[in-house]
């Protein structure tokens, strides 16, 4: 969790204190969204890396094919 997230969580806790009650479901929902965001970021990074690897492999095959055709 970065600083802004912890600040927001602190503000939410203070809001709960000021209101005199809490909504645990809201905190659970926020935590679920944070986990999903982190998982999505990891998936995007993995997909980008796979894409780069695939492109470099295809480029390598492409150049080998060109060399073979030249001969």
C-alpha atoms as a PDB file:
ATOM      1  CA  UNK A   1       0.000   0.000   0.000  1.00  0.00           C
ATOM      2  CA  UNK A   2       1.460   3.357  -0.914  1.00  0.00           C
ATOM      3  CA  UNK A   3       1.278   6.553   1.127  1.00  0.00           C
ATOM      4  CA  UNK A   4      -1.847   7.947  -0.477  1.00  0.00           C
ATOM      5  CA  UNK A   5      -3.693   4.684   0.138  1.00  0.00           C
ATOM      6  CA  UNK A   6      -2.699   4.676   3.803  1.00  0.00           C
ATOM      7  CA  UNK A   7      -3.741   8.318   4.135  1.00  0.00           C
ATOM      8  CA  UNK A   8      -7.114   7.530   2.610  1.00  0.00           C
ATOM      9  CA  UNK A   9      -7.528   4.563   4.940  1.00  0.00           C
ATOM     10  CA  UNK A  10      -6.676   6.810   7.930  1.00  0.00           C
ATOM     11  CA  UNK A  11      -9.205   9.397   6.768  1.00  0.00           C
ATOM     12  CA  UNK A  12     -11.845   6.708   6.411  1.00  0.00           C
ATOM     13  CA  UNK A  13     -11.087   5.421   9.913  1.00  0.00           C
ATOM     14  CA  UNK A  14     -11.425   8.996  11.248  1.00  0.00           C
ATOM     15  CA  UNK A  15     -14.704   9.400   9.384  1.00  0.00           C
ATOM     16  CA  UNK A  16     -15.950   6.207  11.015  1.00  0.00           C
ATOM     17  CA  UNK A  17     -14.914   7.507  14.450  1.00  0.00           C
ATOM     18  CA  UNK A  18     -16.599  10.865  13.835  1.00  0.00           C
ATOM     19  CA  UNK A  19     -19.779   9.160  12.668  1.00  0.00           C
ATOM     20  CA  UNK A  20     -19.789   6.840  15.657  1.00  0.00           C
ATOM     21  CA  UNK A  21     -20.020   3.631  13.667  1.00  0.00           C
ATOM     22  CA  UNK A  22     -18.037   1.610  11.140  1.00  0.00           C
ATOM     23  CA  UNK A  23     -18.868  -0.275   7.990  1.00  0.00           C
ATOM     24  CA  UNK A  24     -16.522  -3.282   7.910  1.00  0.00           C
ATOM     25  CA  UNK A  25     -17.935  -4.336   4.540  1.00  0.00           C
ATOM     26  CA  UNK A  26     -16.621  -1.116   3.021  1.00  0.00           C
ATOM     27  CA  UNK A  27     -13.087  -1.768   4.257  1.00  0.00           C
ATOM     28  CA  UNK A  28     -13.279  -5.383   3.016  1.00  0.00           C
ATOM     29  CA  UNK A  29     -14.499  -4.161  -0.373  1.00  0.00           C
ATOM     30  CA  UNK A  30     -11.646  -1.641  -0.618  1.00  0.00           C
ATOM     31  CA  UNK A  31      -9.108  -4.345   0.258  1.00  0.00           C
ATOM     32  CA  UNK A  32     -10.646  -6.660  -2.366  1.00  0.00           C
ATOM     33  CA  UNK A  33     -10.362  -3.926  -5.004  1.00  0.00           C
ATOM     34  CA  UNK A  34      -6.726  -3.296  -4.027  1.00  0.00           C
ATOM     35  CA  UNK A  35      -5.911  -7.020  -4.389  1.00  0.00           C
ATOM     36  CA  UNK A  36      -7.673  -7.176  -7.767  1.00  0.00           C
ATOM     37  CA  UNK A  37      -5.778  -4.084  -8.924  1.00  0.00           C
ATOM     38  CA  UNK A  38      -2.473  -5.643  -7.918  1.00  0.00           C
ATOM     39  CA  UNK A  39      -3.348  -8.923  -9.669  1.00  0.00           C
ATOM     40  CA  UNK A  40      -4.393  -7.035 -12.794  1.00  0.00           C
ATOM     41  CA  UNK A  41      -1.131  -5.071 -12.797  1.00  0.00           C
ATOM     42  CA  UNK A  42       0.841  -8.330 -12.542  1.00  0.00           C
ATOM     43  CA  UNK A  43      -1.180  -9.868 -15.365  1.00  0.00           C
ATOM     44  CA  UNK A  44      -0.620  -6.826 -17.586  1.00  0.00           C
ATOM     45  CA  UNK A  45       3.135  -6.933 -16.880  1.00  0.00           C
ATOM     46  CA  UNK A  46       3.212 -10.652 -17.730  1.00  0.00           C
ATOM     47  CA  UNK A  47       1.240 -10.124 -20.941  1.00  0.00           C
ATOM     48  CA  UNK A  48       3.539  -7.272 -22.024  1.00  0.00           C
ATOM     49  CA  UNK A  49       6.613  -9.395 -21.358  1.00  0.00           C
ATOM     50  CA  UNK A  50       5.106 -12.328 -23.267  1.00  0.00           C
ATOM     51  CA  UNK A  51       4.306  -9.996 -26.154  1.00  0.00           C
ATOM     52  CA  UNK A  52       7.863  -8.650 -26.266  1.00  0.00           C
ATOM     53  CA  UNK A  53       9.293 -12.164 -26.127  1.00  0.00           C
ATOM     54  CA  UNK A  54       6.976 -13.339 -28.889  1.00  0.00           C
ATOM     55  CA  UNK A  55       7.848 -10.347 -31.082  1.00  0.00           C
ATOM     56  CA  UNK A  56      11.574 -10.873 -30.612  1.00  0.00           C
ATOM     57  CA  UNK A  57      11.237 -14.600 -31.350  1.00  0.00           C
ATOM     58  CA  UNK A  58       9.244 -13.878 -34.496  1.00  0.00           C
ATOM     59  CA  UNK A  59      11.777 -11.268 -35.580  1.00  0.00           C
ATOM     60  CA  UNK A  60      14.579 -13.778 -35.053  1.00  0.00           C
ATOM     61  CA  UNK A  61      12.778 -16.436 -37.080  1.00  0.00           C
ATOM     62  CA  UNK A  62      11.952 -13.907 -39.719  1.00  0.00           C
ATOM     63  CA  UNK A  63      15.608 -12.925 -40.166  1.00  0.00           C
ATOM     64  CA  UNK A  64      16.668 -16.601 -40.278  1.00  0.00           C
ATOM     65  CA  UNK A  65      14.054 -17.248 -42.930  1.00  0.00           C
ATOM     66  CA  UNK A  66      15.304 -14.265 -44.941  1.00  0.00           C
ATOM     67  CA  UNK A  67      18.860 -15.561 -44.705  1.00  0.00           C
ATOM     68  CA  UNK A  68      17.763 -19.002 -45.870  1.00  0.00           C
ATOM     69  CA  UNK A  69      15.907 -17.530 -48.820  1.00  0.00           C
ATOM     70  CA  UNK A  70      18.938 -15.476 -49.822  1.00  0.00           C
ATOM     71  CA  UNK A  71      21.058 -18.623 -50.014  1.00  0.00           C
END
